[in-house]
Amino acid sequence: KTCLIFSCLNMPLNGAIFNFQSFLAAILLLICSCAYLRTHWPKFIDRYKTGFSSVFWKSARIGERLSPIVSVCCIAMGFAILFR
C-alpha cells in the first residue's frame, strides 16, 4: 500500500514512520505546504482553531518565520533523496 506523496519517493506508506529520513521529508513537506496554503488562503489555516487543525497553523508559522532555514533543509533533503 503506497501513498501518492510517497510513491514518487518509492517508499511504502509506513516508511515515513520507521525511517528517520522519510519522517523528516514528511515534516518538511507539511511545513512547506502549510506555509504555501496560508499565504494563498489565510482562512483555511486559522490561528484560532484548536485541536488537530492547530498543528497546520503551527507548521505554517514555522514555515513563515524560519523560511530561510526551511528552504535550506528542503534543498539538503532533496539532494539526500537524489543521491541515496
PDB file of N, CA and C in Angstrom:
ATOM      1  N   LYS A   1       0.848  -1.167   0.000  1.00  0.00           N
ATOM      2  CA  LYS A   1       0.000   0.000   0.000  1.00  0.00           C
ATOM      3  C   LYS A   1       0.899   1.238   0.000  1.00  0.00           C
ATOM      4  N   THR A   2       0.718   2.093  -0.994  1.00  0.00           N
ATOM      5  CA  THR A   2       1.539   3.300  -1.077  1.00  0.00           C
ATOM      6  C   THR A   2       0.651   4.521  -1.134  1.00  0.00           C
ATOM      7  N   CYS A   3       1.202   5.625  -0.719  1.00  0.00           N
ATOM      8  CA  CYS A   3       0.516   6.906  -0.744  1.00  0.00           C
ATOM      9  C   CYS A   3       0.997   7.665  -1.972  1.00  0.00           C
ATOM     10  N   LEU A   4       0.205   8.581  -2.499  1.00  0.00           N
ATOM     11  CA  LEU A   4       0.570   9.342  -3.682  1.00  0.00           C
ATOM     12  C   LEU A   4       1.820  10.178  -3.438  1.00  0.00           C
ATOM     13  N   ILE A   5       1.952  10.749  -2.247  1.00  0.00           N
ATOM     14  CA  ILE A   5       3.098  11.580  -1.930  1.00  0.00           C
ATOM     15  C   ILE A   5       4.370  10.746  -1.887  1.00  0.00           C
ATOM     16  N   PHE A   6       4.303   9.590  -1.265  1.00  0.00           N
ATOM     17  CA  PHE A   6       5.489   8.765  -1.097  1.00  0.00           C
ATOM     18  C   PHE A   6       5.756   7.850  -2.286  1.00  0.00           C
ATOM     19  N   SER A   7       4.817   7.763  -3.242  1.00  0.00           N
ATOM     20  CA  SER A   7       5.057   6.899  -4.391  1.00  0.00           C
ATOM     21  C   SER A   7       6.150   7.470  -5.285  1.00  0.00           C
ATOM     22  N   CYS A   8       6.279   8.801  -5.346  1.00  0.00           N
ATOM     23  CA  CYS A   8       7.353   9.385  -6.147  1.00  0.00           C
ATOM     24  C   CYS A   8       8.704   9.181  -5.473  1.00  0.00           C
ATOM     25  N   LEU A   9       8.716   8.929  -4.174  1.00  0.00           N
ATOM     26  CA  LEU A   9       9.957   8.667  -3.455  1.00  0.00           C
ATOM     27  C   LEU A   9      10.249   7.180  -3.337  1.00  0.00           C
ATOM     28  N   ASN A  10       9.369   6.343  -3.912  1.00  0.00           N
ATOM     29  CA  ASN A  10       9.495   4.885  -3.862  1.00  0.00           C
ATOM     30  C   ASN A  10       9.567   4.362  -2.428  1.00  0.00           C
ATOM     31  N   MET A  11       8.680   4.853  -1.585  1.00  0.00           N
ATOM     32  CA  MET A  11       8.629   4.434  -0.192  1.00  0.00           C
ATOM     33  C   MET A  11       7.238   3.908   0.127  1.00  0.00           C
ATOM     34  N   PRO A  12       7.125   2.901   0.945  1.00  0.00           N
ATOM     35  CA  PRO A  12       5.803   2.487   1.406  1.00  0.00           C
ATOM     36  C   PRO A  12       5.226   3.512   2.371  1.00  0.00           C
ATOM     37  N   LEU A  13       3.931   3.409   2.626  1.00  0.00           N
ATOM     38  CA  LEU A  13       3.256   4.381   3.486  1.00  0.00           C
ATOM     39  C   LEU A  13       3.820   4.382   4.892  1.00  0.00           C
ATOM     40  N   ASN A  14       4.160   3.226   5.449  1.00  0.00           N
ATOM     41  CA  ASN A  14       4.709   3.195   6.801  1.00  0.00           C
ATOM     42  C   ASN A  14       6.196   3.525   6.819  1.00  0.00           C
ATOM     43  N   GLY A  15       6.788   3.801   5.684  1.00  0.00           N
ATOM     44  CA  GLY A  15       8.196   4.158   5.624  1.00  0.00           C
ATOM     45  C   GLY A  15       8.489   5.470   6.318  1.00  0.00           C
ATOM     46  N   ALA A  16       7.536   6.393   6.339  1.00  0.00           N
ATOM     47  CA  ALA A  16       7.752   7.679   6.992  1.00  0.00           C
ATOM     48  C   ALA A  16       7.747   7.545   8.508  1.00  0.00           C
ATOM     49  N   ILE A  17       7.178   6.485   9.015  1.00  0.00           N
ATOM     50  CA  ILE A  17       7.132   6.307  10.461  1.00  0.00           C
ATOM     51  C   ILE A  17       8.428   5.672  10.962  1.00  0.00           C
ATOM     52  N   PHE A  18       8.950   4.695  10.240  1.00  0.00           N
ATOM     53  CA  PHE A  18      10.080   3.924  10.725  1.00  0.00           C
ATOM     54  C   PHE A  18      11.431   4.386  10.178  1.00  0.00           C
ATOM     55  N   ASN A  19      11.430   5.179   9.135  1.00  0.00           N
ATOM     56  CA  ASN A  19      12.664   5.674   8.550  1.00  0.00           C
ATOM     57  C   ASN A  19      12.795   7.156   8.905  1.00  0.00           C
ATOM     58  N   PHE A  20      13.882   7.541   9.552  1.00  0.00           N
ATOM     59  CA  PHE A  20      14.033   8.912  10.040  1.00  0.00           C
ATOM     60  C   PHE A  20      14.128   9.911   8.891  1.00  0.00           C
ATOM     61  N   GLN A  21      14.793   9.547   7.810  1.00  0.00           N
ATOM     62  CA  GLN A  21      14.902  10.454   6.668  1.00  0.00           C
ATOM     63  C   GLN A  21      13.539  10.679   6.018  1.00  0.00           C
ATOM     64  N   SER A  22      12.734   9.644   5.941  1.00  0.00           N
ATOM     65  CA  SER A  22      11.388   9.787   5.386  1.00  0.00           C
ATOM     66  C   SER A  22      10.507  10.614   6.309  1.00  0.00           C
ATOM     67  N   PHE A  23      10.694  10.454   7.610  1.00  0.00           N
ATOM     68  CA  PHE A  23       9.942  11.250   8.573  1.00  0.00           C
ATOM     69  C   PHE A  23      10.278  12.736   8.425  1.00  0.00           C
ATOM     70  N   LEU A  24      11.570  13.056   8.273  1.00  0.00           N
ATOM     71  CA  LEU A  24      11.961  14.448   8.068  1.00  0.00           C
ATOM     72  C   LEU A  24      11.418  15.003   6.757  1.00  0.00           C
ATOM     73  N   ALA A  25      11.386  14.190   5.715  1.00  0.00           N
ATOM     74  CA  ALA A  25      10.825  14.628   4.440  1.00  0.00           C
ATOM     75  C   ALA A  25       9.338  14.929   4.575  1.00  0.00           C
ATOM     76  N   ALA A  26       8.617  14.100   5.316  1.00  0.00           N
ATOM     77  CA  ALA A  26       7.191  14.333   5.525  1.00  0.00           C
ATOM     78  C   ALA A  26       6.951  15.599   6.355  1.00  0.00           C
ATOM     79  N   ILE A  27       7.765  15.848   7.357  1.00  0.00           N
ATOM     80  CA  ILE A  27       7.628  17.058   8.179  1.00  0.00           C
ATOM     81  C   ILE A  27       7.918  18.304   7.344  1.00  0.00           C
ATOM     82  N   LEU A  28       8.986  18.252   6.539  1.00  0.00           N
ATOM     83  CA  LEU A  28       9.300  19.395   5.669  1.00  0.00           C
ATOM     84  C   LEU A  28       8.196  19.637   4.653  1.00  0.00           C
ATOM     85  N   LEU A  29       7.617  18.575   4.116  1.00  0.00           N
ATOM     86  CA  LEU A  29       6.507  18.717   3.187  1.00  0.00           C
ATOM     87  C   LEU A  29       5.302  19.352   3.870  1.00  0.00           C
ATOM     88  N   LEU A  30       5.022  18.964   5.109  1.00  0.00           N
ATOM     89  CA  LEU A  30       3.922  19.553   5.863  1.00  0.00           C
ATOM     90  C   LEU A  30       4.165  21.042   6.110  1.00  0.00           C
ATOM     91  N   ILE A  31       5.371  21.402   6.527  1.00  0.00           N
ATOM     92  CA  ILE A  31       5.688  22.804   6.812  1.00  0.00           C
ATOM     93  C   ILE A  31       5.577  23.655   5.547  1.00  0.00           C
ATOM     94  N   CYS A  32       6.157  23.183   4.463  1.00  0.00           N
ATOM     95  CA  CYS A  32       6.118  23.957   3.221  1.00  0.00           C
ATOM     96  C   CYS A  32       4.699  24.069   2.662  1.00  0.00           C
ATOM     97  N   SER A  33       3.943  22.990   2.736  1.00  0.00           N
ATOM     98  CA  SER A  33       2.569  23.016   2.229  1.00  0.00           C
ATOM     99  C   SER A  33       1.685  23.948   3.047  1.00  0.00           C
ATOM    100  N   CYS A  34       1.820  23.900   4.360  1.00  0.00           N
ATOM    101  CA  CYS A  34       1.002  24.765   5.210  1.00  0.00           C
ATOM    102  C   CYS A  34       1.359  26.238   5.032  1.00  0.00           C
ATOM    103  N   ALA A  35       2.639  26.539   4.876  1.00  0.00           N
ATOM    104  CA  ALA A  35       3.051  27.925   4.649  1.00  0.00           C
ATOM    105  C   ALA A  35       2.524  28.423   3.309  1.00  0.00           C
ATOM    106  N   TYR A  36       2.551  27.581   2.301  1.00  0.00           N
ATOM    107  CA  TYR A  36       2.029  27.961   0.987  1.00  0.00           C
ATOM    108  C   TYR A  36       0.521  28.185   1.044  1.00  0.00           C
ATOM    109  N   LEU A  37      -0.196  27.261   1.675  1.00  0.00           N
ATOM    110  CA  LEU A  37      -1.646  27.403   1.758  1.00  0.00           C
ATOM    111  C   LEU A  37      -2.055  28.629   2.575  1.00  0.00           C
ATOM    112  N   ARG A  38      -1.305  28.930   3.608  1.00  0.00           N
ATOM    113  CA  ARG A  38      -1.635  30.094   4.437  1.00  0.00           C
ATOM    114  C   ARG A  38      -1.449  31.403   3.677  1.00  0.00           C
ATOM    115  N   THR A  39      -0.471  31.480   2.786  1.00  0.00           N
ATOM    116  CA  THR A  39      -0.282  32.712   2.024  1.00  0.00           C
ATOM    117  C   THR A  39      -1.394  32.922   1.012  1.00  0.00           C
ATOM    118  N   HIS A  40      -1.949  31.838   0.457  1.00  0.00           N
ATOM    119  CA  HIS A  40      -2.989  31.978  -0.558  1.00  0.00           C
ATOM    120  C   HIS A  40      -4.405  31.951   0.012  1.00  0.00           C
ATOM    121  N   TRP A  41      -4.625  31.159   1.049  1.00  0.00           N
ATOM    122  CA  TRP A  41      -5.938  31.056   1.672  1.00  0.00           C
ATOM    123  C   TRP A  41      -5.798  31.167   3.179  1.00  0.00           C
ATOM    124  N   PRO A  42      -5.732  32.387   3.719  1.00  0.00           N
ATOM    125  CA  PRO A  42      -5.499  32.543   5.165  1.00  0.00           C
ATOM    126  C   PRO A  42      -6.635  31.997   6.037  1.00  0.00           C
ATOM    127  N   LYS A  43      -7.848  31.973   5.517  1.00  0.00           N
ATOM    128  CA  LYS A  43      -8.959  31.457   6.321  1.00  0.00           C
ATOM    129  C   LYS A  43      -8.920  29.943   6.444  1.00  0.00           C
ATOM    130  N   PHE A  44      -8.220  29.274   5.525  1.00  0.00           N
ATOM    131  CA  PHE A  44      -8.128  27.815   5.561  1.00  0.00           C
ATOM    132  C   PHE A  44      -7.306  27.353   6.762  1.00  0.00           C
ATOM    133  N   ILE A  45      -6.244  28.077   7.048  1.00  0.00           N
ATOM    134  CA  ILE A  45      -5.398  27.759   8.200  1.00  0.00           C
ATOM    135  C   ILE A  45      -5.493  28.941   9.151  1.00  0.00           C
ATOM    136  N   ASP A  46      -6.386  28.833  10.118  1.00  0.00           N
ATOM    137  CA  ASP A  46      -6.686  29.928  11.034  1.00  0.00           C
ATOM    138  C   ASP A  46      -5.984  29.705  12.370  1.00  0.00           C
ATOM    139  N   ARG A  47      -5.508  30.782  12.979  1.00  0.00           N
ATOM    140  CA  ARG A  47      -4.782  30.643  14.239  1.00  0.00           C
ATOM    141  C   ARG A  47      -5.699  30.367  15.427  1.00  0.00           C
ATOM    142  N   TYR A  48      -6.986  30.551  15.273  1.00  0.00           N
ATOM    143  CA  TYR A  48      -7.917  30.340  16.384  1.00  0.00           C
ATOM    144  C   TYR A  48      -8.502  28.935  16.419  1.00  0.00           C
ATOM    145  N   LYS A  49      -8.089  28.076  15.503  1.00  0.00           N
ATOM    146  CA  LYS A  49      -8.563  26.693  15.528  1.00  0.00           C
ATOM    147  C   LYS A  49      -7.862  25.938  16.644  1.00  0.00           C
ATOM    148  N   THR A  50      -8.549  24.983  17.193  1.00  0.00           N
ATOM    149  CA  THR A  50      -7.978  24.192  18.281  1.00  0.00           C
ATOM    150  C   THR A  50      -7.929  22.724  17.855  1.00  0.00           C
ATOM    151  N   GLY A  51      -7.197  21.954  18.613  1.00  0.00           N
ATOM    152  CA  GLY A  51      -7.108  20.524  18.351  1.00  0.00           C
ATOM    153  C   GLY A  51      -6.106  20.207  17.264  1.00  0.00           C
ATOM    154  N   PHE A  52      -6.433  19.206  16.464  1.00  0.00           N
ATOM    155  CA  PHE A  52      -5.512  18.725  15.435  1.00  0.00           C
ATOM    156  C   PHE A  52      -5.251  19.771  14.363  1.00  0.00           C
ATOM    157  N   SER A  53      -6.249  20.589  14.031  1.00  0.00           N
ATOM    158  CA  SER A  53      -6.064  21.588  12.976  1.00  0.00           C
ATOM    159  C   SER A  53      -5.131  22.719  13.396  1.00  0.00           C
ATOM    160  N   SER A  54      -4.844  22.844  14.688  1.00  0.00           N
ATOM    161  CA  SER A  54      -3.877  23.858  15.113  1.00  0.00           C
ATOM    162  C   SER A  54      -2.454  23.461  14.730  1.00  0.00           C
ATOM    163  N   VAL A  55      -2.224  22.177  14.457  1.00  0.00           N
ATOM    164  CA  VAL A  55      -0.908  21.719  14.005  1.00  0.00           C
ATOM    165  C   VAL A  55      -0.575  22.355  12.658  1.00  0.00           C
ATOM    166  N   PHE A  56      -1.586  22.524  11.802  1.00  0.00           N
ATOM    167  CA  PHE A  56      -1.361  23.126  10.495  1.00  0.00           C
ATOM    168  C   PHE A  56      -0.982  24.597  10.627  1.00  0.00           C
ATOM    169  N   TRP A  57      -1.620  25.308  11.558  1.00  0.00           N
ATOM    170  CA  TRP A  57      -1.268  26.714  11.770  1.00  0.00           C
ATOM    171  C   TRP A  57       0.154  26.834  12.324  1.00  0.00           C
ATOM    172  N   LYS A  58       0.502  25.956  13.245  1.00  0.00           N
ATOM    173  CA  LYS A  58       1.861  25.992  13.804  1.00  0.00           C
ATOM    174  C   LYS A  58       2.899  25.661  12.737  1.00  0.00           C
ATOM    175  N   SER A  59       2.589  24.728  11.867  1.00  0.00           N
ATOM    176  CA  SER A  59       3.507  24.401  10.770  1.00  0.00           C
ATOM    177  C   SER A  59       3.647  25.575   9.808  1.00  0.00           C
ATOM    178  N   ALA A  60       2.540  26.253   9.526  1.00  0.00           N
ATOM    179  CA  ALA A  60       2.601  27.429   8.653  1.00  0.00           C
ATOM    180  C   ALA A  60       3.415  28.539   9.297  1.00  0.00           C
ATOM    181  N   ARG A  61       3.291  28.720  10.588  1.00  0.00           N
ATOM    182  CA  ARG A  61       4.061  29.744  11.298  1.00  0.00           C
ATOM    183  C   ARG A  61       5.559  29.428  11.262  1.00  0.00           C
ATOM    184  N   ILE A  62       5.904  28.164  11.426  1.00  0.00           N
ATOM    185  CA  ILE A  62       7.313  27.765  11.324  1.00  0.00           C
ATOM    186  C   ILE A  62       7.826  28.050   9.916  1.00  0.00           C
ATOM    187  N   GLY A  63       7.028  27.738   8.913  1.00  0.00           N
ATOM    188  CA  GLY A  63       7.434  27.979   7.536  1.00  0.00           C
ATOM    189  C   GLY A  63       7.578  29.447   7.209  1.00  0.00           C
ATOM    190  N   GLU A  64       6.750  30.296   7.827  1.00  0.00           N
ATOM    191  CA  GLU A  64       6.833  31.738   7.576  1.00  0.00           C
ATOM    192  C   GLU A  64       8.020  32.356   8.300  1.00  0.00           C
ATOM    193  N   ARG A  65       8.202  32.018   9.534  1.00  0.00           N
ATOM    194  CA  ARG A  65       9.244  32.662  10.344  1.00  0.00           C
ATOM    195  C   ARG A  65      10.633  32.121  10.061  1.00  0.00           C
ATOM    196  N   LEU A  66      10.744  30.840   9.789  1.00  0.00           N
ATOM    197  CA  LEU A  66      12.051  30.218   9.568  1.00  0.00           C
ATOM    198  C   LEU A  66      12.235  29.830   8.105  1.00  0.00           C
ATOM    199  N   SER A  67      11.712  30.633   7.188  1.00  0.00           N
ATOM    200  CA  SER A  67      11.737  30.248   5.775  1.00  0.00           C
ATOM    201  C   SER A  67      13.138  30.053   5.214  1.00  0.00           C
ATOM    202  N   PRO A  68      14.167  30.846   5.579  1.00  0.00           N
ATOM    203  CA  PRO A  68      15.497  30.533   5.039  1.00  0.00           C
ATOM    204  C   PRO A  68      16.034  29.183   5.530  1.00  0.00           C
ATOM    205  N   ILE A  69      15.794  28.878   6.791  1.00  0.00           N
ATOM    206  CA  ILE A  69      16.264  27.603   7.345  1.00  0.00           C
ATOM    207  C   ILE A  69      15.492  26.442   6.730  1.00  0.00           C
ATOM    208  N   VAL A  70      14.182  26.613   6.574  1.00  0.00           N
ATOM    209  CA  VAL A  70      13.355  25.560   5.982  1.00  0.00           C
ATOM    210  C   VAL A  70      13.756  25.335   4.529  1.00  0.00           C
ATOM    211  N   SER A  71      14.037  26.400   3.789  1.00  0.00           N
ATOM    212  CA  SER A  71      14.416  26.222   2.386  1.00  0.00           C
ATOM    213  C   SER A  71      15.769  25.523   2.261  1.00  0.00           C
ATOM    214  N   VAL A  72      16.711  25.835   3.136  1.00  0.00           N
ATOM    215  CA  VAL A  72      17.998  25.135   3.122  1.00  0.00           C
ATOM    216  C   VAL A  72      17.787  23.656   3.460  1.00  0.00           C
ATOM    217  N   CYS A  73      16.919  23.373   4.415  1.00  0.00           N
ATOM    218  CA  CYS A  73      16.629  21.970   4.764  1.00  0.00           C
ATOM    219  C   CYS A  73      15.953  21.240   3.604  1.00  0.00           C
ATOM    220  N   CYS A  74      15.074  21.926   2.875  1.00  0.00           N
ATOM    221  CA  CYS A  74      14.423  21.298   1.724  1.00  0.00           C
ATOM    222  C   CYS A  74      15.431  20.985   0.621  1.00  0.00           C
ATOM    223  N   ILE A  75      16.356  21.909   0.385  1.00  0.00           N
ATOM    224  CA  ILE A  75      17.387  21.667  -0.624  1.00  0.00           C
ATOM    225  C   ILE A  75      18.282  20.502  -0.203  1.00  0.00           C
ATOM    226  N   ALA A  76      18.680  20.489   1.061  1.00  0.00           N
ATOM    227  CA  ALA A  76      19.519  19.395   1.559  1.00  0.00           C
ATOM    228  C   ALA A  76      18.787  18.065   1.489  1.00  0.00           C
ATOM    229  N   MET A  77      17.511  18.059   1.837  1.00  0.00           N
ATOM    230  CA  MET A  77      16.734  16.819   1.779  1.00  0.00           C
ATOM    231  C   MET A  77      16.566  16.359   0.338  1.00  0.00           C
ATOM    232  N   GLY A  78      16.402  17.305  -0.585  1.00  0.00           N
ATOM    233  CA  GLY A  78      16.299  16.934  -1.993  1.00  0.00           C
ATOM    234  C   GLY A  78      17.553  16.265  -2.507  1.00  0.00           C
ATOM    235  N   PHE A  79      18.716  16.829  -2.160  1.00  0.00           N
ATOM    236  CA  PHE A  79      19.982  16.212  -2.563  1.00  0.00           C
ATOM    237  C   PHE A  79      20.179  14.859  -1.884  1.00  0.00           C
ATOM    238  N   ALA A  80      19.766  14.761  -0.632  1.00  0.00           N
ATOM    239  CA  ALA A  80      19.920  13.480   0.076  1.00  0.00           C
ATOM    240  C   ALA A  80      19.053  12.395  -0.566  1.00  0.00           C
ATOM    241  N   ILE A  81      17.866  12.762  -1.010  1.00  0.00           N
ATOM    242  CA  ILE A  81      16.984  11.777  -1.654  1.00  0.00           C
ATOM    243  C   ILE A  81      17.513  11.423  -3.049  1.00  0.00           C
ATOM    244  N   LEU A  82      18.030  12.425  -3.764  1.00  0.00           N
ATOM    245  CA  LEU A  82      18.548  12.152  -5.114  1.00  0.00           C
ATOM    246  C   LEU A  82      19.769  11.252  -5.099  1.00  0.00           C
ATOM    247  N   PHE A  83      20.656  11.470  -4.153  1.00  0.00           N
ATOM    248  CA  PHE A  83      21.933  10.763  -4.177  1.00  0.00           C
ATOM    249  C   PHE A  83      22.017   9.609  -3.181  1.00  0.00           C
ATOM    250  N   ARG A  84      20.886   9.125  -2.708  1.00  0.00           N
ATOM    251  CA  ARG A  84      20.959   7.985  -1.783  1.00  0.00           C
ATOM    252  C   ARG A  84      20.950   6.691  -2.510  1.00  0.00           C
TER     253      ARG A  84
END
